[in-house]
């Protein structure tokens, strides 16, 4: 599990693949709302998936793309999707908790 969390911390903030790893700035210093932050994260996950798809397409077309880059991009996209799914599950769980408190 430690390896997976290390991959998340290194891969998710760097969704473009070519930038240096940086922390995901979420919180008070952002000044943005939860909705804006969620939209940004979803867009970054979508960009990661698009980047992985582009590498697969280029590799299949015979362009100069290394296999390890294709595999790493696919793994990053999978981890990002797993993170979004867990985020969704936690939001639904919190919503259900709030609704049950109001009853």
PDB file of N, CA and C in Angstrom:
ATOM      1  N   UNK A   1       0.818  -1.193   0.000  1.00  0.00           N
ATOM      2  CA  UNK A   1       0.000   0.000   0.000  1.00  0.00           C
ATOM      3  C   UNK A   1       0.858   1.251   0.000  1.00  0.00           C
ATOM      4  N   UNK A   2       2.042   1.187   0.609  1.00  0.00           N
ATOM      5  CA  UNK A   2       2.937   2.343   0.640  1.00  0.00           C
ATOM      6  C   UNK A   2       3.360   2.731  -0.769  1.00  0.00           C
ATOM      7  N   UNK A   3       3.627   1.758  -1.621  1.00  0.00           N
ATOM      8  CA  UNK A   3       4.052   2.056  -2.985  1.00  0.00           C
ATOM      9  C   UNK A   3       2.940   2.790  -3.719  1.00  0.00           C
ATOM     10  N   UNK A   4       1.699   2.342  -3.543  1.00  0.00           N
ATOM     11  CA  UNK A   4       0.575   2.969  -4.223  1.00  0.00           C
ATOM     12  C   UNK A   4       0.403   4.421  -3.776  1.00  0.00           C
ATOM     13  N   UNK A   5       0.528   4.686  -2.484  1.00  0.00           N
ATOM     14  CA  UNK A   5       0.398   6.066  -2.018  1.00  0.00           C
ATOM     15  C   UNK A   5       1.563   6.920  -2.511  1.00  0.00           C
ATOM     16  N   UNK A   6       2.751   6.335  -2.617  1.00  0.00           N
ATOM     17  CA  UNK A   6       3.872   7.076  -3.188  1.00  0.00           C
ATOM     18  C   UNK A   6       3.592   7.432  -4.644  1.00  0.00           C
ATOM     19  N   UNK A   7       3.041   6.482  -5.387  1.00  0.00           N
ATOM     20  CA  UNK A   7       2.691   6.750  -6.779  1.00  0.00           C
ATOM     21  C   UNK A   7       1.656   7.856  -6.869  1.00  0.00           C
ATOM     22  N   UNK A   8       0.670   7.821  -5.983  1.00  0.00           N
ATOM     23  CA  UNK A   8      -0.352   8.864  -5.983  1.00  0.00           C
ATOM     24  C   UNK A   8       0.257  10.229  -5.723  1.00  0.00           C
ATOM     25  N   UNK A   9       1.100  10.303  -4.718  1.00  0.00           N
ATOM     26  CA  UNK A   9       1.669  11.601  -4.363  1.00  0.00           C
ATOM     27  C   UNK A   9       2.588  12.124  -5.453  1.00  0.00           C
ATOM     28  N   UNK A  10       3.232  11.234  -6.187  1.00  0.00           N
ATOM     29  CA  UNK A  10       4.122  11.692  -7.256  1.00  0.00           C
ATOM     30  C   UNK A  10       3.382  11.887  -8.566  1.00  0.00           C
ATOM     31  N   UNK A  11       2.439  11.018  -8.895  1.00  0.00           N
ATOM     32  CA  UNK A  11       1.839  11.023 -10.217  1.00  0.00           C
ATOM     33  C   UNK A  11       0.635  11.944 -10.344  1.00  0.00           C
ATOM     34  N   UNK A  12      -0.236  11.962  -9.372  1.00  0.00           N
ATOM     35  CA  UNK A  12      -1.472  12.702  -9.530  1.00  0.00           C
ATOM     36  C   UNK A  12      -1.272  14.191  -9.715  1.00  0.00           C
ATOM     37  N   UNK A  13      -0.455  14.875  -8.912  1.00  0.00           N
ATOM     38  CA  UNK A  13      -0.293  16.302  -9.150  1.00  0.00           C
ATOM     39  C   UNK A  13       0.362  16.613 -10.487  1.00  0.00           C
ATOM     40  N   UNK A  14       1.124  15.702 -11.027  1.00  0.00           N
ATOM     41  CA  UNK A  14       1.839  15.925 -12.271  1.00  0.00           C
ATOM     42  C   UNK A  14       1.108  15.211 -13.397  1.00  0.00           C
ATOM     43  N   UNK A  15      -0.073  15.665 -13.721  1.00  0.00           N
ATOM     44  CA  UNK A  15      -0.895  14.942 -14.670  1.00  0.00           C
ATOM     45  C   UNK A  15      -0.412  15.094 -16.104  1.00  0.00           C
ATOM     46  N   UNK A  16       0.308  16.134 -16.398  1.00  0.00           N
ATOM     47  CA  UNK A  16       0.780  16.327 -17.755  1.00  0.00           C
ATOM     48  C   UNK A  16       1.943  15.427 -18.115  1.00  0.00           C
ATOM     49  N   UNK A  17       2.671  14.924 -17.156  1.00  0.00           N
ATOM     50  CA  UNK A  17       3.768  14.010 -17.406  1.00  0.00           C
ATOM     51  C   UNK A  17       5.110  14.687 -17.649  1.00  0.00           C
ATOM     52  N   UNK A  18       5.121  15.930 -18.136  1.00  0.00           N
ATOM     53  CA  UNK A  18       6.377  16.582 -18.476  1.00  0.00           C
ATOM     54  C   UNK A  18       6.813  17.605 -17.430  1.00  0.00           C
ATOM     55  N   UNK A  19       5.975  17.893 -16.471  1.00  0.00           N
ATOM     56  CA  UNK A  19       6.309  18.889 -15.457  1.00  0.00           C
ATOM     57  C   UNK A  19       6.918  18.204 -14.242  1.00  0.00           C
ATOM     58  N   UNK A  20       7.658  18.980 -13.465  1.00  0.00           N
ATOM     59  CA  UNK A  20       8.216  18.450 -12.219  1.00  0.00           C
ATOM     60  C   UNK A  20       7.085  18.249 -11.218  1.00  0.00           C
ATOM     61  N   UNK A  21       7.226  17.250 -10.364  1.00  0.00           N
ATOM     62  CA  UNK A  21       6.182  16.955  -9.380  1.00  0.00           C
ATOM     63  C   UNK A  21       6.014  18.138  -8.436  1.00  0.00           C
ATOM     64  N   UNK A  22       4.764  18.445  -8.113  1.00  0.00           N
ATOM     65  CA  UNK A  22       4.466  19.529  -7.203  1.00  0.00           C
ATOM     66  C   UNK A  22       3.297  19.098  -6.336  1.00  0.00           C
ATOM     67  N   UNK A  23       3.187  19.631  -5.122  1.00  0.00           N
ATOM     68  CA  UNK A  23       2.070  19.248  -4.257  1.00  0.00           C
ATOM     69  C   UNK A  23       0.759  19.777  -4.806  1.00  0.00           C
ATOM     70  N   UNK A  24      -0.311  19.059  -4.568  1.00  0.00           N
ATOM     71  CA  UNK A  24      -1.637  19.480  -4.970  1.00  0.00           C
ATOM     72  C   UNK A  24      -2.115  20.518  -3.967  1.00  0.00           C
ATOM     73  N   UNK A  25      -2.215  21.759  -4.394  1.00  0.00           N
ATOM     74  CA  UNK A  25      -2.578  22.860  -3.501  1.00  0.00           C
ATOM     75  C   UNK A  25      -4.087  22.941  -3.373  1.00  0.00           C
ATOM     76  N   UNK A  26      -4.601  22.288  -2.356  1.00  0.00           N
ATOM     77  CA  UNK A  26      -6.027  22.323  -2.089  1.00  0.00           C
ATOM     78  C   UNK A  26      -6.216  22.872  -0.697  1.00  0.00           C
ATOM     79  N   UNK A  27      -7.081  23.850  -0.548  1.00  0.00           N
ATOM     80  CA  UNK A  27      -7.337  24.359   0.794  1.00  0.00           C
ATOM     81  C   UNK A  27      -7.423  25.853   0.838  1.00  0.00           C
ATOM     82  N   UNK A  28      -7.136  26.378   2.020  1.00  0.00           N
ATOM     83  CA  UNK A  28      -7.332  27.798   2.279  1.00  0.00           C
ATOM     84  C   UNK A  28      -6.445  28.680   1.401  1.00  0.00           C
ATOM     85  N   UNK A  29      -5.236  28.245   1.104  1.00  0.00           N
ATOM     86  CA  UNK A  29      -4.360  29.093   0.318  1.00  0.00           C
ATOM     87  C   UNK A  29      -4.838  29.222  -1.130  1.00  0.00           C
ATOM     88  N   UNK A  30      -5.648  28.264  -1.606  1.00  0.00           N
ATOM     89  CA  UNK A  30      -6.213  28.344  -2.945  1.00  0.00           C
ATOM     90  C   UNK A  30      -7.269  29.437  -3.031  1.00  0.00           C
ATOM     91  N   UNK A  31      -8.074  29.537  -1.986  1.00  0.00           N
ATOM     92  CA  UNK A  31      -9.132  30.524  -1.982  1.00  0.00           C
ATOM     93  C   UNK A  31     -10.325  30.112  -2.828  1.00  0.00           C
ATOM     94  N   UNK A  32     -10.273  28.945  -3.474  1.00  0.00           N
ATOM     95  CA  UNK A  32     -11.363  28.490  -4.308  1.00  0.00           C
ATOM     96  C   UNK A  32     -12.370  27.684  -3.523  1.00  0.00           C
ATOM     97  N   UNK A  33     -13.529  27.527  -4.119  1.00  0.00           N
ATOM     98  CA  UNK A  33     -14.574  26.750  -3.478  1.00  0.00           C
ATOM     99  C   UNK A  33     -14.326  25.257  -3.704  1.00  0.00           C
ATOM    100  N   UNK A  34     -15.070  24.445  -2.979  1.00  0.00           N
ATOM    101  CA  UNK A  34     -14.965  22.995  -3.144  1.00  0.00           C
ATOM    102  C   UNK A  34     -15.328  22.605  -4.567  1.00  0.00           C
ATOM    103  N   UNK A  35     -16.366  23.230  -5.106  1.00  0.00           N
ATOM    104  CA  UNK A  35     -16.795  22.917  -6.473  1.00  0.00           C
ATOM    105  C   UNK A  35     -15.714  23.237  -7.499  1.00  0.00           C
ATOM    106  N   UNK A  36     -15.034  24.368  -7.327  1.00  0.00           N
ATOM    107  CA  UNK A  36     -13.965  24.739  -8.259  1.00  0.00           C
ATOM    108  C   UNK A  36     -12.790  23.770  -8.151  1.00  0.00           C
ATOM    109  N   UNK A  37     -12.473  23.379  -6.924  1.00  0.00           N
ATOM    110  CA  UNK A  37     -11.384  22.431  -6.721  1.00  0.00           C
ATOM    111  C   UNK A  37     -11.733  21.075  -7.324  1.00  0.00           C
ATOM    112  N   UNK A  38     -12.967  20.640  -7.107  1.00  0.00           N
ATOM    113  CA  UNK A  38     -13.411  19.363  -7.664  1.00  0.00           C
ATOM    114  C   UNK A  38     -13.388  19.391  -9.185  1.00  0.00           C
ATOM    115  N   UNK A  39     -13.841  20.480  -9.769  1.00  0.00           N
ATOM    116  CA  UNK A  39     -13.819  20.622 -11.230  1.00  0.00           C
ATOM    117  C   UNK A  39     -12.392  20.565 -11.761  1.00  0.00           C
ATOM    118  N   UNK A  40     -11.478  21.248 -11.061  1.00  0.00           N
ATOM    119  CA  UNK A  40     -10.074  21.240 -11.492  1.00  0.00           C
ATOM    120  C   UNK A  40      -9.485  19.844 -11.425  1.00  0.00           C
ATOM    121  N   UNK A  41      -9.765  19.125 -10.338  1.00  0.00           N
ATOM    122  CA  UNK A  41      -9.242  17.765 -10.186  1.00  0.00           C
ATOM    123  C   UNK A  41      -9.807  16.845 -11.269  1.00  0.00           C
ATOM    124  N   UNK A  42     -11.108  16.964 -11.530  1.00  0.00           N
ATOM    125  CA  UNK A  42     -11.714  16.132 -12.573  1.00  0.00           C
ATOM    126  C   UNK A  42     -11.128  16.441 -13.950  1.00  0.00           C
ATOM    127  N   UNK A  43     -10.862  17.713 -14.208  1.00  0.00           N
ATOM    128  CA  UNK A  43     -10.230  18.075 -15.482  1.00  0.00           C
ATOM    129  C   UNK A  43      -8.817  17.501 -15.580  1.00  0.00           C
ATOM    130  N   UNK A  44      -8.080  17.519 -14.461  1.00  0.00           N
ATOM    131  CA  UNK A  44      -6.731  16.963 -14.472  1.00  0.00           C
ATOM    132  C   UNK A  44      -6.763  15.446 -14.688  1.00  0.00           C
ATOM    133  N   UNK A  45      -7.736  14.769 -14.086  1.00  0.00           N
ATOM    134  CA  UNK A  45      -7.874  13.326 -14.294  1.00  0.00           C
ATOM    135  C   UNK A  45      -8.214  13.041 -15.753  1.00  0.00           C
ATOM    136  N   UNK A  46      -9.092  13.846 -16.318  1.00  0.00           N
ATOM    137  CA  UNK A  46      -9.443  13.683 -17.726  1.00  0.00           C
ATOM    138  C   UNK A  46      -8.229  13.913 -18.622  1.00  0.00           C
ATOM    139  N   UNK A  47      -7.426  14.920 -18.292  1.00  0.00           N
ATOM    140  CA  UNK A  47      -6.206  15.192 -19.062  1.00  0.00           C
ATOM    141  C   UNK A  47      -5.228  14.019 -18.965  1.00  0.00           C
ATOM    142  N   UNK A  48      -5.134  13.412 -17.789  1.00  0.00           N
ATOM    143  CA  UNK A  48      -4.256  12.263 -17.601  1.00  0.00           C
ATOM    144  C   UNK A  48      -4.695  11.107 -18.483  1.00  0.00           C
ATOM    145  N   UNK A  49      -5.997  10.860 -18.497  1.00  0.00           N
ATOM    146  CA  UNK A  49      -6.536   9.782 -19.323  1.00  0.00           C
ATOM    147  C   UNK A  49      -6.306  10.070 -20.807  1.00  0.00           C
ATOM    148  N   UNK A  50      -6.512  11.323 -21.213  1.00  0.00           N
ATOM    149  CA  UNK A  50      -6.281  11.709 -22.603  1.00  0.00           C
ATOM    150  C   UNK A  50      -4.813  11.545 -22.991  1.00  0.00           C
ATOM    151  N   UNK A  51      -3.916  11.926 -22.075  1.00  0.00           N
ATOM    152  CA  UNK A  51      -2.478  11.793 -22.331  1.00  0.00           C
ATOM    153  C   UNK A  51      -2.097  10.322 -22.501  1.00  0.00           C
ATOM    154  N   UNK A  52      -2.635   9.465 -21.639  1.00  0.00           N
ATOM    155  CA  UNK A  52      -2.350   8.033 -21.744  1.00  0.00           C
ATOM    156  C   UNK A  52      -2.893   7.473 -23.053  1.00  0.00           C
ATOM    157  N   UNK A  53      -4.094   7.879 -23.425  1.00  0.00           N
ATOM    158  CA  UNK A  53      -4.678   7.428 -24.691  1.00  0.00           C
ATOM    159  C   UNK A  53      -3.874   7.884 -25.889  1.00  0.00           C
ATOM    160  N   UNK A  54      -3.372   9.123 -25.816  1.00  0.00           N
ATOM    161  CA  UNK A  54      -2.550   9.645 -26.903  1.00  0.00           C
ATOM    162  C   UNK A  54      -1.242   8.852 -27.035  1.00  0.00           C
ATOM    163  N   UNK A  55      -0.612   8.529 -25.895  1.00  0.00           N
ATOM    164  CA  UNK A  55       0.618   7.734 -25.947  1.00  0.00           C
ATOM    165  C   UNK A  55       0.364   6.349 -26.520  1.00  0.00           C
ATOM    166  N   UNK A  56      -0.753   5.729 -26.141  1.00  0.00           N
ATOM    167  CA  UNK A  56      -1.095   4.408 -26.686  1.00  0.00           C
ATOM    168  C   UNK A  56      -1.295   4.501 -28.191  1.00  0.00           C
ATOM    169  N   UNK A  57      -2.017   5.524 -28.632  1.00  0.00           N
ATOM    170  CA  UNK A  57      -2.262   5.698 -30.072  1.00  0.00           C
ATOM    171  C   UNK A  57      -0.953   5.900 -30.830  1.00  0.00           C
ATOM    172  N   UNK A  58      -0.081   6.764 -30.274  1.00  0.00           N
ATOM    173  CA  UNK A  58       1.200   7.020 -30.931  1.00  0.00           C
ATOM    174  C   UNK A  58       2.077   5.773 -30.953  1.00  0.00           C
ATOM    175  N   UNK A  59       2.064   4.999 -29.858  1.00  0.00           N
ATOM    176  CA  UNK A  59       2.853   3.767 -29.800  1.00  0.00           C
ATOM    177  C   UNK A  59       2.337   2.761 -30.824  1.00  0.00           C
ATOM    178  N   UNK A  60       1.011   2.634 -30.927  1.00  0.00           N
ATOM    179  CA  UNK A  60       0.418   1.693 -31.884  1.00  0.00           C
ATOM    180  C   UNK A  60       0.676   2.116 -33.322  1.00  0.00           C
ATOM    181  N   UNK A  61       0.816   3.413 -33.563  1.00  0.00           N
ATOM    182  CA  UNK A  61       1.079   3.919 -34.909  1.00  0.00           C
ATOM    183  C   UNK A  61       2.551   3.792 -35.286  1.00  0.00           C
ATOM    184  N   UNK A  62       3.381   3.362 -34.346  1.00  0.00           N
ATOM    185  CA  UNK A  62       4.789   3.165 -34.645  1.00  0.00           C
ATOM    186  C   UNK A  62       5.655   4.395 -34.441  1.00  0.00           C
ATOM    187  N   UNK A  63       5.111   5.410 -33.812  1.00  0.00           N
ATOM    188  CA  UNK A  63       5.905   6.605 -33.535  1.00  0.00           C
ATOM    189  C   UNK A  63       6.937   6.302 -32.450  1.00  0.00           C
ATOM    190  N   UNK A  64       7.881   7.203 -32.301  1.00  0.00           N
ATOM    191  CA  UNK A  64       8.968   7.008 -31.348  1.00  0.00           C
ATOM    192  C   UNK A  64       8.481   7.281 -29.927  1.00  0.00           C
ATOM    193  N   UNK A  65       7.840   6.286 -29.319  1.00  0.00           N
ATOM    194  CA  UNK A  65       7.358   6.363 -27.940  1.00  0.00           C
ATOM    195  C   UNK A  65       7.825   5.091 -27.246  1.00  0.00           C
ATOM    196  N   UNK A  66       8.435   5.259 -26.092  1.00  0.00           N
ATOM    197  CA  UNK A  66       8.928   4.112 -25.331  1.00  0.00           C
ATOM    198  C   UNK A  66       7.779   3.398 -24.630  1.00  0.00           C
ATOM    199  N   UNK A  67       7.871   2.080 -24.583  1.00  0.00           N
ATOM    200  CA  UNK A  67       6.828   1.270 -23.957  1.00  0.00           C
ATOM    201  C   UNK A  67       6.659   1.621 -22.483  1.00  0.00           C
ATOM    202  N   UNK A  68       7.767   1.883 -21.792  1.00  0.00           N
ATOM    203  CA  UNK A  68       7.645   2.203 -20.374  1.00  0.00           C
ATOM    204  C   UNK A  68       6.883   3.511 -20.151  1.00  0.00           C
ATOM    205  N   UNK A  69       6.968   4.453 -21.083  1.00  0.00           N
ATOM    206  CA  UNK A  69       6.194   5.685 -20.974  1.00  0.00           C
ATOM    207  C   UNK A  69       4.708   5.404 -21.121  1.00  0.00           C
ATOM    208  N   UNK A  70       4.375   4.516 -22.060  1.00  0.00           N
ATOM    209  CA  UNK A  70       2.979   4.146 -22.285  1.00  0.00           C
ATOM    210  C   UNK A  70       2.421   3.457 -21.044  1.00  0.00           C
ATOM    211  N   UNK A  71       3.175   2.532 -20.483  1.00  0.00           N
ATOM    212  CA  UNK A  71       2.719   1.792 -19.305  1.00  0.00           C
ATOM    213  C   UNK A  71       2.599   2.710 -18.089  1.00  0.00           C
ATOM    214  N   UNK A  72       3.555   3.600 -17.912  1.00  0.00           N
ATOM    215  CA  UNK A  72       3.508   4.526 -16.774  1.00  0.00           C
ATOM    216  C   UNK A  72       2.316   5.475 -16.891  1.00  0.00           C
ATOM    217  N   UNK A  73       2.060   5.973 -18.088  1.00  0.00           N
ATOM    218  CA  UNK A  73       0.921   6.871 -18.291  1.00  0.00           C
ATOM    219  C   UNK A  73      -0.392   6.138 -18.030  1.00  0.00           C
ATOM    220  N   UNK A  74      -0.484   4.891 -18.456  1.00  0.00           N
ATOM    221  CA  UNK A  74      -1.685   4.101 -18.186  1.00  0.00           C
ATOM    222  C   UNK A  74      -1.880   3.860 -16.699  1.00  0.00           C
ATOM    223  N   UNK A  75      -0.790   3.584 -15.995  1.00  0.00           N
ATOM    224  CA  UNK A  75      -0.875   3.374 -14.548  1.00  0.00           C
ATOM    225  C   UNK A  75      -1.283   4.662 -13.836  1.00  0.00           C
ATOM    226  N   UNK A  76      -0.728   5.801 -14.245  1.00  0.00           N
ATOM    227  CA  UNK A  76      -1.102   7.084 -13.651  1.00  0.00           C
ATOM    228  C   UNK A  76      -2.580   7.370 -13.864  1.00  0.00           C
ATOM    229  N   UNK A  77      -3.075   7.098 -15.071  1.00  0.00           N
ATOM    230  CA  UNK A  77      -4.488   7.329 -15.356  1.00  0.00           C
ATOM    231  C   UNK A  77      -5.366   6.418 -14.501  1.00  0.00           C
ATOM    232  N   UNK A  78      -4.952   5.173 -14.320  1.00  0.00           N
ATOM    233  CA  UNK A  78      -5.705   4.246 -13.481  1.00  0.00           C
ATOM    234  C   UNK A  78      -5.733   4.674 -12.031  1.00  0.00           C
ATOM    235  N   UNK A  79      -4.611   5.124 -11.526  1.00  0.00           N
ATOM    236  CA  UNK A  79      -4.536   5.582 -10.135  1.00  0.00           C
ATOM    237  C   UNK A  79      -5.379   6.841  -9.945  1.00  0.00           C
ATOM    238  N   UNK A  80      -5.326   7.751 -10.901  1.00  0.00           N
ATOM    239  CA  UNK A  80      -6.129   8.969 -10.811  1.00  0.00           C
ATOM    240  C   UNK A  80      -7.618   8.632 -10.813  1.00  0.00           C
ATOM    241  N   UNK A  81      -8.018   7.686 -11.645  1.00  0.00           N
ATOM    242  CA  UNK A  81      -9.422   7.272 -11.682  1.00  0.00           C
ATOM    243  C   UNK A  81      -9.826   6.621 -10.365  1.00  0.00           C
ATOM    244  N   UNK A  82      -8.957   5.782  -9.811  1.00  0.00           N
ATOM    245  CA  UNK A  82      -9.236   5.169  -8.510  1.00  0.00           C
ATOM    246  C   UNK A  82      -9.427   6.237  -7.435  1.00  0.00           C
ATOM    247  N   UNK A  83      -8.611   7.273  -7.482  1.00  0.00           N
ATOM    248  CA  UNK A  83      -8.725   8.355  -6.508  1.00  0.00           C
ATOM    249  C   UNK A  83     -10.058   9.074  -6.640  1.00  0.00           C
ATOM    250  N   UNK A  84     -10.487   9.343  -7.866  1.00  0.00           N
ATOM    251  CA  UNK A  84     -11.761  10.020  -8.081  1.00  0.00           C
ATOM    252  C   UNK A  84     -12.920   9.152  -7.612  1.00  0.00           C
ATOM    253  N   UNK A  85     -12.844   7.855  -7.853  1.00  0.00           N
ATOM    254  CA  UNK A  85     -13.898   6.944  -7.407  1.00  0.00           C
ATOM    255  C   UNK A  85     -13.983   6.947  -5.888  1.00  0.00           C
ATOM    256  N   UNK A  86     -12.834   6.902  -5.208  1.00  0.00           N
ATOM    257  CA  UNK A  86     -12.834   6.944  -3.746  1.00  0.00           C
ATOM    258  C   UNK A  86     -13.359   8.276  -3.231  1.00  0.00           C
ATOM    259  N   UNK A  87     -13.011   9.361  -3.907  1.00  0.00           N
ATOM    260  CA  UNK A  87     -13.524  10.670  -3.528  1.00  0.00           C
ATOM    261  C   UNK A  87     -15.041  10.700  -3.647  1.00  0.00           C
ATOM    262  N   UNK A  88     -15.550  10.178  -4.743  1.00  0.00           N
ATOM    263  CA  UNK A  88     -17.000  10.110  -4.929  1.00  0.00           C
ATOM    264  C   UNK A  88     -17.658   9.292  -3.823  1.00  0.00           C
ATOM    265  N   UNK A  89     -17.072   8.144  -3.493  1.00  0.00           N
ATOM    266  CA  UNK A  89     -17.624   7.293  -2.441  1.00  0.00           C
ATOM    267  C   UNK A  89     -17.657   8.018  -1.093  1.00  0.00           C
ATOM    268  N   UNK A  90     -16.594   8.761  -0.781  1.00  0.00           N
ATOM    269  CA  UNK A  90     -16.543   9.495   0.479  1.00  0.00           C
ATOM    270  C   UNK A  90     -17.577  10.630   0.514  1.00  0.00           C
ATOM    271  N   UNK A  91     -17.767  11.310  -0.601  1.00  0.00           N
ATOM    272  CA  UNK A  91     -18.753  12.385  -0.659  1.00  0.00           C
ATOM    273  C   UNK A  91     -20.155  11.810  -0.472  1.00  0.00           C
ATOM    274  N   UNK A  92     -20.448  10.697  -1.119  1.00  0.00           N
ATOM    275  CA  UNK A  92     -21.758  10.055  -0.967  1.00  0.00           C
ATOM    276  C   UNK A  92     -21.955   9.597   0.475  1.00  0.00           C
ATOM    277  N   UNK A  93     -20.923   9.025   1.067  1.00  0.00           N
ATOM    278  CA  UNK A  93     -21.005   8.586   2.461  1.00  0.00           C
ATOM    279  C   UNK A  93     -21.266   9.768   3.392  1.00  0.00           C
ATOM    280  N   UNK A  94     -20.581  10.881   3.172  1.00  0.00           N
ATOM    281  CA  UNK A  94     -20.793  12.070   3.995  1.00  0.00           C
ATOM    282  C   UNK A  94     -22.210  12.614   3.814  1.00  0.00           C
ATOM    283  N   UNK A  95     -22.682  12.637   2.586  1.00  0.00           N
ATOM    284  CA  UNK A  95     -24.045  13.105   2.310  1.00  0.00           C
ATOM    285  C   UNK A  95     -25.067  12.235   3.037  1.00  0.00           C
ATOM    286  N   UNK A  96     -24.894  10.928   2.973  1.00  0.00           N
ATOM    287  CA  UNK A  96     -25.822  10.015   3.654  1.00  0.00           C
ATOM    288  C   UNK A  96     -25.772  10.209   5.170  1.00  0.00           C
ATOM    289  N   UNK A  97     -24.598  10.477   5.700  1.00  0.00           N
ATOM    290  CA  UNK A  97     -24.476  10.735   7.137  1.00  0.00           C
ATOM    291  C   UNK A  97     -25.232  11.993   7.530  1.00  0.00           C
ATOM    292  N   UNK A  98     -25.103  13.026   6.737  1.00  0.00           N
ATOM    293  CA  UNK A  98     -25.812  14.292   7.011  1.00  0.00           C
ATOM    294  C   UNK A  98     -27.317  14.089   6.926  1.00  0.00           C
ATOM    295  N   UNK A  99     -27.762  13.375   5.908  1.00  0.00           N
ATOM    296  CA  UNK A  99     -29.199  13.124   5.746  1.00  0.00           C
ATOM    297  C   UNK A  99     -29.727  12.307   6.933  1.00  0.00           C
ATOM    298  N   UNK A 100     -28.972  11.319   7.370  1.00  0.00           N
ATOM    299  CA  UNK A 100     -29.442  10.500   8.492  1.00  0.00           C
ATOM    300  C   UNK A 100     -29.455  11.299   9.802  1.00  0.00           C
ATOM    301  N   UNK A 101     -28.578  12.288   9.944  1.00  0.00           N
ATOM    302  CA  UNK A 101     -28.595  13.133  11.134  1.00  0.00           C
ATOM    303  C   UNK A 101     -29.822  14.027  11.171  1.00  0.00           C
ATOM    304  N   UNK A 102     -30.325  14.418  10.022  1.00  0.00           N
ATOM    305  CA  UNK A 102     -31.475  15.305   9.950  1.00  0.00           C
ATOM    306  C   UNK A 102     -32.780  14.573  10.200  1.00  0.00           C
ATOM    307  N   UNK A 103     -32.767  13.268  10.094  1.00  0.00           N
ATOM    308  CA  UNK A 103     -33.998  12.481  10.286  1.00  0.00           C
ATOM    309  C   UNK A 103     -34.390  12.336  11.710  1.00  0.00           C
TER     310      UNK A 103
END
